[in-house]
Amino acid sequence: MQVVVERLVEAVGARDSAGVRAVVGTDARLRAMIPPGPVQSDGPDEIAERFAGWLGWLAAVEVVSTSVEEFAGRWRFSYRLRVRDEDGGTMLLEQQGFCDVDGEHISGIDLVCSGFRPIVETDG
């Protein structure tokens, strides 16, 4: 089951919509708390489109760190991304969540997002 969630995290970091669709079950539900508020998407197509909408417009996405572990019958995941917009601005984004896995597919995702946070350079 862990490998299913790891494939989701890898697909999100690679902006691979087909990869997201492949691990999300037909009756899956994504509930997310993001700036500016809560959203829900149902099914693999809507869920893949949601992730693509969050990251697809960016000029570059670099995976900084990821984590996947079992937690009380669910799977906790997180990833931190360094992103660059079309104007060259660099930001960090972190999403954390919990997944339910049913066999080879994710049946539910509950996620919270930091929003895009500007990277502030500080003097040493």
PDB file of N, CA and C in Angstrom:
ATOM      1  N   MET A   1       0.820  -1.206   0.000  1.00  0.00           N
ATOM      2  CA  MET A   1       0.000   0.000   0.000  1.00  0.00           C
ATOM      3  C   MET A   1       0.856   1.258   0.000  1.00  0.00           C
ATOM      4  N   GLN A   2       1.991   1.211   0.696  1.00  0.00           N
ATOM      5  CA  GLN A   2       2.866   2.382   0.750  1.00  0.00           C
ATOM      6  C   GLN A   2       3.318   2.788  -0.643  1.00  0.00           C
ATOM      7  N   VAL A   3       3.605   1.815  -1.483  1.00  0.00           N
ATOM      8  CA  VAL A   3       4.096   2.122  -2.824  1.00  0.00           C
ATOM      9  C   VAL A   3       3.054   2.902  -3.636  1.00  0.00           C
ATOM     10  N   VAL A   4       1.773   2.666  -3.388  1.00  0.00           N
ATOM     11  CA  VAL A   4       0.722   3.397  -4.096  1.00  0.00           C
ATOM     12  C   VAL A   4       0.795   4.882  -3.753  1.00  0.00           C
ATOM     13  N   VAL A   5       0.964   5.190  -2.466  1.00  0.00           N
ATOM     14  CA  VAL A   5       1.050   6.589  -2.031  1.00  0.00           C
ATOM     15  C   VAL A   5       2.354   7.208  -2.519  1.00  0.00           C
ATOM     16  N   GLU A   6       3.440   6.441  -2.499  1.00  0.00           N
ATOM     17  CA  GLU A   6       4.711   6.951  -3.022  1.00  0.00           C
ATOM     18  C   GLU A   6       4.592   7.293  -4.503  1.00  0.00           C
ATOM     19  N   ARG A   7       3.842   6.486  -5.262  1.00  0.00           N
ATOM     20  CA  ARG A   7       3.642   6.796  -6.687  1.00  0.00           C
ATOM     21  C   ARG A   7       2.835   8.077  -6.863  1.00  0.00           C
ATOM     22  N   LEU A   8       1.853   8.313  -5.984  1.00  0.00           N
ATOM     23  CA  LEU A   8       1.109   9.583  -6.044  1.00  0.00           C
ATOM     24  C   LEU A   8       2.047  10.752  -5.801  1.00  0.00           C
ATOM     25  N   VAL A   9       2.852  10.679  -4.747  1.00  0.00           N
ATOM     26  CA  VAL A   9       3.776  11.763  -4.410  1.00  0.00           C
ATOM     27  C   VAL A   9       4.754  12.013  -5.559  1.00  0.00           C
ATOM     28  N   GLU A  10       5.284  10.947  -6.151  1.00  0.00           N
ATOM     29  CA  GLU A  10       6.199  11.099  -7.283  1.00  0.00           C
ATOM     30  C   GLU A  10       5.500  11.743  -8.473  1.00  0.00           C
ATOM     31  N   ALA A  11       4.270  11.323  -8.748  1.00  0.00           N
ATOM     32  CA  ALA A  11       3.528  11.876  -9.886  1.00  0.00           C
ATOM     33  C   ALA A  11       3.232  13.355  -9.685  1.00  0.00           C
ATOM     34  N   VAL A  12       2.850  13.734  -8.476  1.00  0.00           N
ATOM     35  CA  VAL A  12       2.586  15.153  -8.200  1.00  0.00           C
ATOM     36  C   VAL A  12       3.860  15.968  -8.405  1.00  0.00           C
ATOM     37  N   GLY A  13       4.978  15.517  -7.847  1.00  0.00           N
ATOM     38  CA  GLY A  13       6.244  16.242  -7.979  1.00  0.00           C
ATOM     39  C   GLY A  13       6.717  16.353  -9.420  1.00  0.00           C
ATOM     40  N   ALA A  14       6.375  15.368 -10.238  1.00  0.00           N
ATOM     41  CA  ALA A  14       6.771  15.377 -11.648  1.00  0.00           C
ATOM     42  C   ALA A  14       5.725  16.045 -12.543  1.00  0.00           C
ATOM     43  N   ARG A  15       4.622  16.514 -11.948  1.00  0.00           N
ATOM     44  CA  ARG A  15       3.507  17.093 -12.693  1.00  0.00           C
ATOM     45  C   ARG A  15       3.004  16.116 -13.762  1.00  0.00           C
ATOM     46  N   ASP A  16       2.877  14.873 -13.342  1.00  0.00           N
ATOM     47  CA  ASP A  16       2.478  13.775 -14.229  1.00  0.00           C
ATOM     48  C   ASP A  16       1.008  13.447 -13.986  1.00  0.00           C
ATOM     49  N   SER A  17       0.114  14.086 -14.739  1.00  0.00           N
ATOM     50  CA  SER A  17      -1.323  13.872 -14.553  1.00  0.00           C
ATOM     51  C   SER A  17      -1.729  12.428 -14.810  1.00  0.00           C
ATOM     52  N   ALA A  18      -1.131  11.789 -15.801  1.00  0.00           N
ATOM     53  CA  ALA A  18      -1.444  10.385 -16.073  1.00  0.00           C
ATOM     54  C   ALA A  18      -1.034   9.507 -14.894  1.00  0.00           C
ATOM     55  N   GLY A  19       0.082   9.837 -14.260  1.00  0.00           N
ATOM     56  CA  GLY A  19       0.531   9.098 -13.086  1.00  0.00           C
ATOM     57  C   GLY A  19      -0.414   9.263 -11.908  1.00  0.00           C
ATOM     58  N   VAL A  20      -0.951  10.466 -11.730  1.00  0.00           N
ATOM     59  CA  VAL A  20      -1.943  10.691 -10.673  1.00  0.00           C
ATOM     60  C   VAL A  20      -3.183   9.857 -10.976  1.00  0.00           C
ATOM     61  N   ARG A  21      -3.680   9.947 -12.205  1.00  0.00           N
ATOM     62  CA  ARG A  21      -4.873   9.169 -12.591  1.00  0.00           C
ATOM     63  C   ARG A  21      -4.681   7.680 -12.351  1.00  0.00           C
ATOM     64  N   ALA A  22      -3.487   7.170 -12.603  1.00  0.00           N
ATOM     65  CA  ALA A  22      -3.218   5.736 -12.517  1.00  0.00           C
ATOM     66  C   ALA A  22      -3.333   5.197 -11.095  1.00  0.00           C
ATOM     67  N   VAL A  23      -3.075   6.026 -10.093  1.00  0.00           N
ATOM     68  CA  VAL A  23      -3.107   5.534  -8.708  1.00  0.00           C
ATOM     69  C   VAL A  23      -4.388   5.890  -7.972  1.00  0.00           C
ATOM     70  N   VAL A  24      -5.241   6.694  -8.591  1.00  0.00           N
ATOM     71  CA  VAL A  24      -6.480   7.144  -7.942  1.00  0.00           C
ATOM     72  C   VAL A  24      -7.638   6.268  -8.436  1.00  0.00           C
ATOM     73  N   GLY A  25      -8.392   5.706  -7.490  1.00  0.00           N
ATOM     74  CA  GLY A  25      -9.516   4.851  -7.826  1.00  0.00           C
ATOM     75  C   GLY A  25     -10.675   5.624  -8.439  1.00  0.00           C
ATOM     76  N   THR A  26     -11.556   4.905  -9.114  1.00  0.00           N
ATOM     77  CA  THR A  26     -12.664   5.538  -9.840  1.00  0.00           C
ATOM     78  C   THR A  26     -13.629   6.282  -8.917  1.00  0.00           C
ATOM     79  N   ASP A  27     -13.765   5.842  -7.677  1.00  0.00           N
ATOM     80  CA  ASP A  27     -14.675   6.503  -6.731  1.00  0.00           C
ATOM     81  C   ASP A  27     -13.936   7.360  -5.708  1.00  0.00           C
ATOM     82  N   ALA A  28     -12.675   7.701  -5.986  1.00  0.00           N
ATOM     83  CA  ALA A  28     -11.853   8.449  -5.029  1.00  0.00           C
ATOM     84  C   ALA A  28     -12.375   9.864  -4.831  1.00  0.00           C
ATOM     85  N   ARG A  29     -12.053  10.406  -3.666  1.00  0.00           N
ATOM     86  CA  ARG A  29     -12.429  11.761  -3.306  1.00  0.00           C
ATOM     87  C   ARG A  29     -11.198  12.474  -2.750  1.00  0.00           C
ATOM     88  N   LEU A  30     -10.986  13.699  -3.199  1.00  0.00           N
ATOM     89  CA  LEU A  30      -9.944  14.582  -2.662  1.00  0.00           C
ATOM     90  C   LEU A  30     -10.641  15.726  -1.958  1.00  0.00           C
ATOM     91  N   ARG A  31     -10.316  15.906  -0.685  1.00  0.00           N
ATOM     92  CA  ARG A  31     -10.760  17.093   0.054  1.00  0.00           C
ATOM     93  C   ARG A  31      -9.497  17.845   0.445  1.00  0.00           C
ATOM     94  N   ALA A  32      -9.469  19.139   0.156  1.00  0.00           N
ATOM     95  CA  ALA A  32      -8.255  19.911   0.420  1.00  0.00           C
ATOM     96  C   ALA A  32      -8.590  21.258   1.028  1.00  0.00           C
ATOM     97  N   MET A  33      -7.759  21.648   1.971  1.00  0.00           N
ATOM     98  CA  MET A  33      -7.819  22.988   2.538  1.00  0.00           C
ATOM     99  C   MET A  33      -6.627  23.744   1.970  1.00  0.00           C
ATOM    100  N   ILE A  34      -6.941  24.671   1.091  1.00  0.00           N
ATOM    101  CA  ILE A  34      -5.904  25.441   0.412  1.00  0.00           C
ATOM    102  C   ILE A  34      -6.248  26.920   0.539  1.00  0.00           C
ATOM    103  N   PRO A  35      -5.236  27.784   0.392  1.00  0.00           N
ATOM    104  CA  PRO A  35      -5.601  29.173   0.231  1.00  0.00           C
ATOM    105  C   PRO A  35      -6.287  29.299  -1.131  1.00  0.00           C
ATOM    106  N   PRO A  36      -7.434  29.788  -1.246  1.00  0.00           N
ATOM    107  CA  PRO A  36      -8.213  30.630  -0.337  1.00  0.00           C
ATOM    108  C   PRO A  36      -9.290  29.906   0.472  1.00  0.00           C
ATOM    109  N   GLY A  37      -9.427  28.570   0.349  1.00  0.00           N
ATOM    110  CA  GLY A  37     -10.442  27.868   1.115  1.00  0.00           C
ATOM    111  C   GLY A  37     -10.579  26.422   0.684  1.00  0.00           C
ATOM    112  N   PRO A  38     -11.571  25.723   1.242  1.00  0.00           N
ATOM    113  CA  PRO A  38     -11.711  24.293   0.976  1.00  0.00           C
ATOM    114  C   PRO A  38     -12.190  23.999  -0.448  1.00  0.00           C
ATOM    115  N   VAL A  39     -11.708  22.862  -0.981  1.00  0.00           N
ATOM    116  CA  VAL A  39     -12.128  22.376  -2.296  1.00  0.00           C
ATOM    117  C   VAL A  39     -12.327  20.865  -2.214  1.00  0.00           C
ATOM    118  N   GLN A  40     -13.110  20.344  -3.134  1.00  0.00           N
ATOM    119  CA  GLN A  40     -13.284  18.903  -3.247  1.00  0.00           C
ATOM    120  C   GLN A  40     -13.296  18.522  -4.720  1.00  0.00           C
ATOM    121  N   SER A  41     -12.672  17.390  -5.016  1.00  0.00           N
ATOM    122  CA  SER A  41     -12.676  16.826  -6.366  1.00  0.00           C
ATOM    123  C   SER A  41     -12.969  15.346  -6.232  1.00  0.00           C
ATOM    124  N   ASP A  42     -13.702  14.807  -7.211  1.00  0.00           N
ATOM    125  CA  ASP A  42     -14.096  13.404  -7.176  1.00  0.00           C
ATOM    126  C   ASP A  42     -13.660  12.694  -8.445  1.00  0.00           C
ATOM    127  N   GLY A  43     -13.104  11.504  -8.278  1.00  0.00           N
ATOM    128  CA  GLY A  43     -12.693  10.679  -9.409  1.00  0.00           C
ATOM    129  C   GLY A  43     -11.315  11.034  -9.917  1.00  0.00           C
ATOM    130  N   PRO A  44     -10.702  10.116 -10.636  1.00  0.00           N
ATOM    131  CA  PRO A  44      -9.318  10.310 -11.081  1.00  0.00           C
ATOM    132  C   PRO A  44      -9.111  11.507 -12.006  1.00  0.00           C
ATOM    133  N   ASP A  45     -10.059  11.767 -12.900  1.00  0.00           N
ATOM    134  CA  ASP A  45      -9.879  12.892 -13.820  1.00  0.00           C
ATOM    135  C   ASP A  45      -9.910  14.228 -13.089  1.00  0.00           C
ATOM    136  N   GLU A  46     -10.919  14.427 -12.235  1.00  0.00           N
ATOM    137  CA  GLU A  46     -11.019  15.689 -11.479  1.00  0.00           C
ATOM    138  C   GLU A  46      -9.834  15.873 -10.547  1.00  0.00           C
ATOM    139  N   ILE A  47      -9.406  14.789  -9.900  1.00  0.00           N
ATOM    140  CA  ILE A  47      -8.279  14.888  -8.960  1.00  0.00           C
ATOM    141  C   ILE A  47      -6.997  15.227  -9.717  1.00  0.00           C
ATOM    142  N   ALA A  48      -6.746  14.571 -10.837  1.00  0.00           N
ATOM    143  CA  ALA A  48      -5.559  14.882 -11.642  1.00  0.00           C
ATOM    144  C   ALA A  48      -5.609  16.321 -12.148  1.00  0.00           C
ATOM    145  N   GLU A  49      -6.785  16.778 -12.562  1.00  0.00           N
ATOM    146  CA  GLU A  49      -6.940  18.168 -13.010  1.00  0.00           C
ATOM    147  C   GLU A  49      -6.683  19.149 -11.874  1.00  0.00           C
ATOM    148  N   ARG A  50      -7.092  18.799 -10.671  1.00  0.00           N
ATOM    149  CA  ARG A  50      -6.867  19.687  -9.516  1.00  0.00           C
ATOM    150  C   ARG A  50      -5.376  19.873  -9.285  1.00  0.00           C
ATOM    151  N   PHE A  51      -4.612  18.754  -9.241  1.00  0.00           N
ATOM    152  CA  PHE A  51      -3.163  18.866  -9.046  1.00  0.00           C
ATOM    153  C   PHE A  51      -2.517  19.625 -10.208  1.00  0.00           C
ATOM    154  N   ALA A  52      -2.959  19.367 -11.425  1.00  0.00           N
ATOM    155  CA  ALA A  52      -2.405  20.078 -12.585  1.00  0.00           C
ATOM    156  C   ALA A  52      -2.685  21.570 -12.492  1.00  0.00           C
ATOM    157  N   GLY A  53      -3.856  21.935 -11.996  1.00  0.00           N
ATOM    158  CA  GLY A  53      -4.184  23.346 -11.832  1.00  0.00           C
ATOM    159  C   GLY A  53      -3.299  24.041 -10.810  1.00  0.00           C
ATOM    160  N   TRP A  54      -2.912  23.300  -9.784  1.00  0.00           N
ATOM    161  CA  TRP A  54      -2.040  23.876  -8.759  1.00  0.00           C
ATOM    162  C   TRP A  54      -0.621  24.051  -9.253  1.00  0.00           C
ATOM    163  N   LEU A  55      -0.128  23.128 -10.082  1.00  0.00           N
ATOM    164  CA  LEU A  55       1.294  23.131 -10.435  1.00  0.00           C
ATOM    165  C   LEU A  55       1.586  23.308 -11.919  1.00  0.00           C
ATOM    166  N   GLY A  56       0.614  23.104 -12.776  1.00  0.00           N
ATOM    167  CA  GLY A  56       0.850  23.092 -14.213  1.00  0.00           C
ATOM    168  C   GLY A  56       1.297  24.418 -14.803  1.00  0.00           C
ATOM    169  N   TRP A  57       0.937  25.520 -14.193  1.00  0.00           N
ATOM    170  CA  TRP A  57       1.260  26.842 -14.736  1.00  0.00           C
ATOM    171  C   TRP A  57       2.683  27.271 -14.430  1.00  0.00           C
ATOM    172  N   LEU A  58       3.379  26.547 -13.564  1.00  0.00           N
ATOM    173  CA  LEU A  58       4.715  26.955 -13.129  1.00  0.00           C
ATOM    174  C   LEU A  58       5.776  26.649 -14.179  1.00  0.00           C
ATOM    175  N   ALA A  59       6.816  27.482 -14.230  1.00  0.00           N
ATOM    176  CA  ALA A  59       7.917  27.268 -15.160  1.00  0.00           C
ATOM    177  C   ALA A  59       8.790  26.092 -14.729  1.00  0.00           C
ATOM    178  N   ALA A  60       8.930  25.854 -13.418  1.00  0.00           N
ATOM    179  CA  ALA A  60       9.773  24.762 -12.929  1.00  0.00           C
ATOM    180  C   ALA A  60       9.286  24.310 -11.560  1.00  0.00           C
ATOM    181  N   VAL A  61       9.424  23.015 -11.313  1.00  0.00           N
ATOM    182  CA  VAL A  61       9.091  22.425 -10.018  1.00  0.00           C
ATOM    183  C   VAL A  61      10.226  21.491  -9.631  1.00  0.00           C
ATOM    184  N   GLU A  62      10.782  21.696  -8.433  1.00  0.00           N
ATOM    185  CA  GLU A  62      11.847  20.839  -7.910  1.00  0.00           C
ATOM    186  C   GLU A  62      11.368  20.237  -6.597  1.00  0.00           C
ATOM    187  N   VAL A  63      11.469  18.926  -6.463  1.00  0.00           N
ATOM    188  CA  VAL A  63      11.096  18.257  -5.220  1.00  0.00           C
ATOM    189  C   VAL A  63      12.235  18.440  -4.228  1.00  0.00           C
ATOM    190  N   VAL A  64      11.931  19.064  -3.080  1.00  0.00           N
ATOM    191  CA  VAL A  64      12.924  19.290  -2.029  1.00  0.00           C
ATOM    192  C   VAL A  64      12.938  18.115  -1.061  1.00  0.00           C
ATOM    193  N   SER A  65      11.764  17.656  -0.644  1.00  0.00           N
ATOM    194  CA  SER A  65      11.685  16.525   0.283  1.00  0.00           C
ATOM    195  C   SER A  65      10.312  15.871   0.180  1.00  0.00           C
ATOM    196  N   THR A  66      10.270  14.584   0.545  1.00  0.00           N
ATOM    197  CA  THR A  66       9.011  13.839   0.579  1.00  0.00           C
ATOM    198  C   THR A  66       9.023  12.905   1.780  1.00  0.00           C
ATOM    199  N   SER A  67       7.826  12.494   2.178  1.00  0.00           N
ATOM    200  CA  SER A  67       7.694  11.542   3.277  1.00  0.00           C
ATOM    201  C   SER A  67       6.390  10.777   3.094  1.00  0.00           C
ATOM    202  N   VAL A  68       6.435   9.467   3.329  1.00  0.00           N
ATOM    203  CA  VAL A  68       5.242   8.625   3.315  1.00  0.00           C
ATOM    204  C   VAL A  68       5.391   7.627   4.453  1.00  0.00           C
ATOM    205  N   GLU A  69       4.364   7.528   5.296  1.00  0.00           N
ATOM    206  CA  GLU A  69       4.400   6.545   6.376  1.00  0.00           C
ATOM    207  C   GLU A  69       2.986   6.150   6.776  1.00  0.00           C
ATOM    208  N   GLU A  70       2.865   4.955   7.316  1.00  0.00           N
ATOM    209  CA  GLU A  70       1.579   4.457   7.798  1.00  0.00           C
ATOM    210  C   GLU A  70       1.228   5.163   9.103  1.00  0.00           C
ATOM    211  N   PHE A  71      -0.050   5.502   9.257  1.00  0.00           N
ATOM    212  CA  PHE A  71      -0.517   6.141  10.481  1.00  0.00           C
ATOM    213  C   PHE A  71      -1.924   5.638  10.792  1.00  0.00           C
ATOM    214  N   ALA A  72      -2.035   4.737  11.741  1.00  0.00           N
ATOM    215  CA  ALA A  72      -3.325   4.285  12.265  1.00  0.00           C
ATOM    216  C   ALA A  72      -4.308   3.877  11.166  1.00  0.00           C
ATOM    217  N   GLY A  73      -3.838   3.057  10.233  1.00  0.00           N
ATOM    218  CA  GLY A  73      -4.707   2.562   9.183  1.00  0.00           C
ATOM    219  C   GLY A  73      -4.841   3.464   7.970  1.00  0.00           C
ATOM    220  N   ARG A  74      -4.188   4.613   7.996  1.00  0.00           N
ATOM    221  CA  ARG A  74      -4.154   5.522   6.845  1.00  0.00           C
ATOM    222  C   ARG A  74      -2.695   5.726   6.468  1.00  0.00           C
ATOM    223  N   TRP A  75      -2.482   6.444   5.392  1.00  0.00           N
ATOM    224  CA  TRP A  75      -1.121   6.747   4.952  1.00  0.00           C
ATOM    225  C   TRP A  75      -0.910   8.246   4.967  1.00  0.00           C
ATOM    226  N   ARG A  76       0.059   8.693   5.777  1.00  0.00           N
ATOM    227  CA  ARG A  76       0.410  10.105   5.865  1.00  0.00           C
ATOM    228  C   ARG A  76       1.473  10.388   4.812  1.00  0.00           C
ATOM    229  N   PHE A  77       1.324  11.504   4.108  1.00  0.00           N
ATOM    230  CA  PHE A  77       2.328  11.886   3.110  1.00  0.00           C
ATOM    231  C   PHE A  77       2.592  13.379   3.217  1.00  0.00           C
ATOM    232  N   SER A  78       3.762  13.767   2.752  1.00  0.00           N
ATOM    233  CA  SER A  78       4.073  15.193   2.626  1.00  0.00           C
ATOM    234  C   SER A  78       5.109  15.357   1.528  1.00  0.00           C
ATOM    235  N   TYR A  79       5.105  16.539   0.954  1.00  0.00           N
ATOM    236  CA  TYR A  79       6.150  16.903   0.012  1.00  0.00           C
ATOM    237  C   TYR A  79       6.325  18.409   0.058  1.00  0.00           C
ATOM    238  N   ARG A  80       7.567  18.797  -0.129  1.00  0.00           N
ATOM    239  CA  ARG A  80       7.939  20.215  -0.202  1.00  0.00           C
ATOM    240  C   ARG A  80       8.546  20.432  -1.573  1.00  0.00           C
ATOM    241  N   LEU A  81       8.056  21.470  -2.247  1.00  0.00           N
ATOM    242  CA  LEU A  81       8.497  21.772  -3.598  1.00  0.00           C
ATOM    243  C   LEU A  81       9.069  23.185  -3.665  1.00  0.00           C
ATOM    244  N   ARG A  82      10.165  23.325  -4.387  1.00  0.00           N
ATOM    245  CA  ARG A  82      10.690  24.649  -4.737  1.00  0.00           C
ATOM    246  C   ARG A  82      10.199  24.902  -6.153  1.00  0.00           C
ATOM    247  N   VAL A  83       9.494  26.003  -6.342  1.00  0.00           N
ATOM    248  CA  VAL A  83       8.884  26.275  -7.639  1.00  0.00           C
ATOM    249  C   VAL A  83       9.335  27.634  -8.158  1.00  0.00           C
ATOM    250  N   ARG A  84       9.285  27.766  -9.481  1.00  0.00           N
ATOM    251  CA  ARG A  84       9.638  29.034 -10.125  1.00  0.00           C
ATOM    252  C   ARG A  84       8.505  29.398 -11.070  1.00  0.00           C
ATOM    253  N   ASP A  85       8.050  30.647 -10.963  1.00  0.00           N
ATOM    254  CA  ASP A  85       6.987  31.102 -11.863  1.00  0.00           C
ATOM    255  C   ASP A  85       7.602  31.622 -13.158  1.00  0.00           C
ATOM    256  N   GLU A  86       6.768  32.043 -14.083  1.00  0.00           N
ATOM    257  CA  GLU A  86       7.241  32.486 -15.397  1.00  0.00           C
ATOM    258  C   GLU A  86       8.063  33.766 -15.332  1.00  0.00           C
ATOM    259  N   ASP A  87       7.931  34.522 -14.238  1.00  0.00           N
ATOM    260  CA  ASP A  87       8.706  35.756 -14.080  1.00  0.00           C
ATOM    261  C   ASP A  87      10.025  35.513 -13.363  1.00  0.00           C
ATOM    262  N   GLY A  88      10.332  34.256 -13.007  1.00  0.00           N
ATOM    263  CA  GLY A  88      11.580  33.928 -12.325  1.00  0.00           C
ATOM    264  C   GLY A  88      11.488  33.964 -10.819  1.00  0.00           C
ATOM    265  N   GLY A  89      10.313  34.268 -10.272  1.00  0.00           N
ATOM    266  CA  GLY A  89      10.149  34.273  -8.818  1.00  0.00           C
ATOM    267  C   GLY A  89      10.198  32.858  -8.270  1.00  0.00           C
ATOM    268  N   THR A  90      10.917  32.684  -7.158  1.00  0.00           N
ATOM    269  CA  THR A  90      11.061  31.369  -6.547  1.00  0.00           C
ATOM    270  C   THR A  90      10.273  31.303  -5.255  1.00  0.00           C
ATOM    271  N   MET A  91       9.563  30.187  -5.079  1.00  0.00           N
ATOM    272  CA  MET A  91       8.712  30.014  -3.897  1.00  0.00           C
ATOM    273  C   MET A  91       8.825  28.575  -3.407  1.00  0.00           C
ATOM    274  N   LEU A  92       8.401  28.388  -2.163  1.00  0.00           N
ATOM    275  CA  LEU A  92       8.249  27.051  -1.606  1.00  0.00           C
ATOM    276  C   LEU A  92       6.772  26.753  -1.466  1.00  0.00           C
ATOM    277  N   LEU A  93       6.426  25.495  -1.605  1.00  0.00           N
ATOM    278  CA  LEU A  93       5.060  25.009  -1.427  1.00  0.00           C
ATOM    279  C   LEU A  93       5.161  23.690  -0.680  1.00  0.00           C
ATOM    280  N   GLU A  94       4.349  23.530   0.353  1.00  0.00           N
ATOM    281  CA  GLU A  94       4.312  22.251   1.044  1.00  0.00           C
ATOM    282  C   GLU A  94       2.874  21.789   1.160  1.00  0.00           C
ATOM    283  N   GLN A  95       2.666  20.509   0.882  1.00  0.00           N
ATOM    284  CA  GLN A  95       1.360  19.897   1.074  1.00  0.00           C
ATOM    285  C   GLN A  95       1.542  18.670   1.935  1.00  0.00           C
ATOM    286  N   GLN A  96       0.602  18.488   2.866  1.00  0.00           N
ATOM    287  CA  GLN A  96       0.598  17.330   3.743  1.00  0.00           C
ATOM    288  C   GLN A  96      -0.788  16.742   3.721  1.00  0.00           C
ATOM    289  N   GLY A  97      -0.856  15.429   3.869  1.00  0.00           N
ATOM    290  CA  GLY A  97      -2.168  14.824   3.838  1.00  0.00           C
ATOM    291  C   GLY A  97      -2.191  13.401   4.318  1.00  0.00           C
ATOM    292  N   PHE A  98      -3.375  12.827   4.226  1.00  0.00           N
ATOM    293  CA  PHE A  98      -3.623  11.445   4.589  1.00  0.00           C
ATOM    294  C   PHE A  98      -4.397  10.788   3.465  1.00  0.00           C
ATOM    295  N   CYS A  99      -4.035   9.545   3.161  1.00  0.00           N
ATOM    296  CA  CYS A  99      -4.693   8.780   2.103  1.00  0.00           C
ATOM    297  C   CYS A  99      -5.289   7.505   2.671  1.00  0.00           C
ATOM    298  N   ASP A 100      -6.383   7.104   2.069  1.00  0.00           N
ATOM    299  CA  ASP A 100      -6.922   5.764   2.254  1.00  0.00           C
ATOM    300  C   ASP A 100      -6.586   4.996   0.994  1.00  0.00           C
ATOM    301  N   VAL A 101      -6.095   3.776   1.158  1.00  0.00           N
ATOM    302  CA  VAL A 101      -5.714   2.956   0.020  1.00  0.00           C
ATOM    303  C   VAL A 101      -6.559   1.690   0.043  1.00  0.00           C
ATOM    304  N   ASP A 102      -7.147   1.399  -1.103  1.00  0.00           N
ATOM    305  CA  ASP A 102      -7.972   0.212  -1.271  1.00  0.00           C
ATOM    306  C   ASP A 102      -7.330  -0.644  -2.359  1.00  0.00           C
ATOM    307  N   GLY A 103      -6.558  -1.632  -1.959  1.00  0.00           N
ATOM    308  CA  GLY A 103      -5.850  -2.474  -2.929  1.00  0.00           C
ATOM    309  C   GLY A 103      -4.749  -1.712  -3.623  1.00  0.00           C
ATOM    310  N   GLU A 104      -4.898  -1.524  -4.917  1.00  0.00           N
ATOM    311  CA  GLU A 104      -3.877  -0.859  -5.733  1.00  0.00           C
ATOM    312  C   GLU A 104      -4.190   0.609  -6.009  1.00  0.00           C
ATOM    313  N   HIS A 105      -5.252   1.141  -5.382  1.00  0.00           N
ATOM    314  CA  HIS A 105      -5.655   2.511  -5.691  1.00  0.00           C
ATOM    315  C   HIS A 105      -5.961   3.312  -4.429  1.00  0.00           C
ATOM    316  N   ILE A 106      -5.790   4.600  -4.552  1.00  0.00           N
ATOM    317  CA  ILE A 106      -6.145   5.526  -3.483  1.00  0.00           C
ATOM    318  C   ILE A 106      -7.641   5.792  -3.574  1.00  0.00           C
ATOM    319  N   SER A 107      -8.325   5.653  -2.433  1.00  0.00           N
ATOM    320  CA  SER A 107      -9.768   5.880  -2.418  1.00  0.00           C
ATOM    321  C   SER A 107     -10.141   7.213  -1.786  1.00  0.00           C
ATOM    322  N   GLY A 108      -9.226   7.822  -1.053  1.00  0.00           N
ATOM    323  CA  GLY A 108      -9.509   9.118  -0.441  1.00  0.00           C
ATOM    324  C   GLY A 108      -8.234   9.855  -0.107  1.00  0.00           C
ATOM    325  N   ILE A 109      -8.264  11.178  -0.269  1.00  0.00           N
ATOM    326  CA  ILE A 109      -7.129  12.040   0.063  1.00  0.00           C
ATOM    327  C   ILE A 109      -7.677  13.233   0.833  1.00  0.00           C
ATOM    328  N   ASP A 110      -7.120  13.472   2.013  1.00  0.00           N
ATOM    329  CA  ASP A 110      -7.398  14.684   2.786  1.00  0.00           C
ATOM    330  C   ASP A 110      -6.083  15.444   2.865  1.00  0.00           C
ATOM    331  N   LEU A 111      -6.062  16.687   2.383  1.00  0.00           N
ATOM    332  CA  LEU A 111      -4.811  17.406   2.162  1.00  0.00           C
ATOM    333  C   LEU A 111      -4.916  18.840   2.680  1.00  0.00           C
ATOM    334  N   VAL A 112      -3.811  19.343   3.172  1.00  0.00           N
ATOM    335  CA  VAL A 112      -3.704  20.755   3.545  1.00  0.00           C
ATOM    336  C   VAL A 112      -2.470  21.330   2.844  1.00  0.00           C
ATOM    337  N   CYS A 113      -2.585  22.575   2.408  1.00  0.00           N
ATOM    338  CA  CYS A 113      -1.540  23.211   1.606  1.00  0.00           C
ATOM    339  C   CYS A 113      -1.064  24.499   2.272  1.00  0.00           C
ATOM    340  N   SER A 114       0.232  24.718   2.242  1.00  0.00           N
ATOM    341  CA  SER A 114       0.827  25.935   2.802  1.00  0.00           C
ATOM    342  C   SER A 114       0.549  27.169   1.959  1.00  0.00           C
ATOM    343  N   GLY A 115       0.236  26.956   0.687  1.00  0.00           N
ATOM    344  CA  GLY A 115       0.207  28.059  -0.262  1.00  0.00           C
ATOM    345  C   GLY A 115       1.624  28.321  -0.751  1.00  0.00           C
ATOM    346  N   PHE A 116       1.747  29.158  -1.754  1.00  0.00           N
ATOM    347  CA  PHE A 116       3.051  29.494  -2.309  1.00  0.00           C
ATOM    348  C   PHE A 116       3.692  30.551  -1.420  1.00  0.00           C
ATOM    349  N   ARG A 117       4.853  30.203  -0.862  1.00  0.00           N
ATOM    350  CA  ARG A 117       5.546  31.073   0.081  1.00  0.00           C
ATOM    351  C   ARG A 117       6.829  31.584  -0.569  1.00  0.00           C
ATOM    352  N   PRO A 118       6.999  32.899  -0.671  1.00  0.00           N
ATOM    353  CA  PRO A 118       8.215  33.445  -1.276  1.00  0.00           C
ATOM    354  C   PRO A 118       9.459  33.028  -0.483  1.00  0.00           C
ATOM    355  N   ILE A 119      10.506  32.722  -1.192  1.00  0.00           N
ATOM    356  CA  ILE A 119      11.780  32.409  -0.540  1.00  0.00           C
ATOM    357  C   ILE A 119      12.461  33.735  -0.237  1.00  0.00           C
ATOM    358  N   VAL A 120      12.728  33.951   1.019  1.00  0.00           N
ATOM    359  CA  VAL A 120      13.360  35.193   1.456  1.00  0.00           C
ATOM    360  C   VAL A 120      14.812  34.893   1.767  1.00  0.00           C
ATOM    361  N   GLU A 121      15.695  35.522   1.022  1.00  0.00           N
ATOM    362  CA  GLU A 121      17.127  35.352   1.269  1.00  0.00           C
ATOM    363  C   GLU A 121      17.518  36.187   2.480  1.00  0.00           C
ATOM    364  N   THR A 122      18.256  35.591   3.398  1.00  0.00           N
ATOM    365  CA  THR A 122      18.709  36.324   4.592  1.00  0.00           C
ATOM    366  C   THR A 122      20.234  36.353   4.607  1.00  0.00           C
ATOM    367  N   ASP A 123      20.754  37.397   5.187  1.00  0.00           N
ATOM    368  CA  ASP A 123      22.210  37.499   5.329  1.00  0.00           C
ATOM    369  C   ASP A 123      22.648  36.565   6.447  1.00  0.00           C
ATOM    370  N   GLY A 124      23.648  35.729   6.143  1.00  0.00           N
ATOM    371  CA  GLY A 124      24.197  34.679   6.942  1.00  0.00           C
ATOM    372  C   GLY A 124      24.129  34.720   8.345  1.00  0.00           C
TER     373      GLY A 124
END
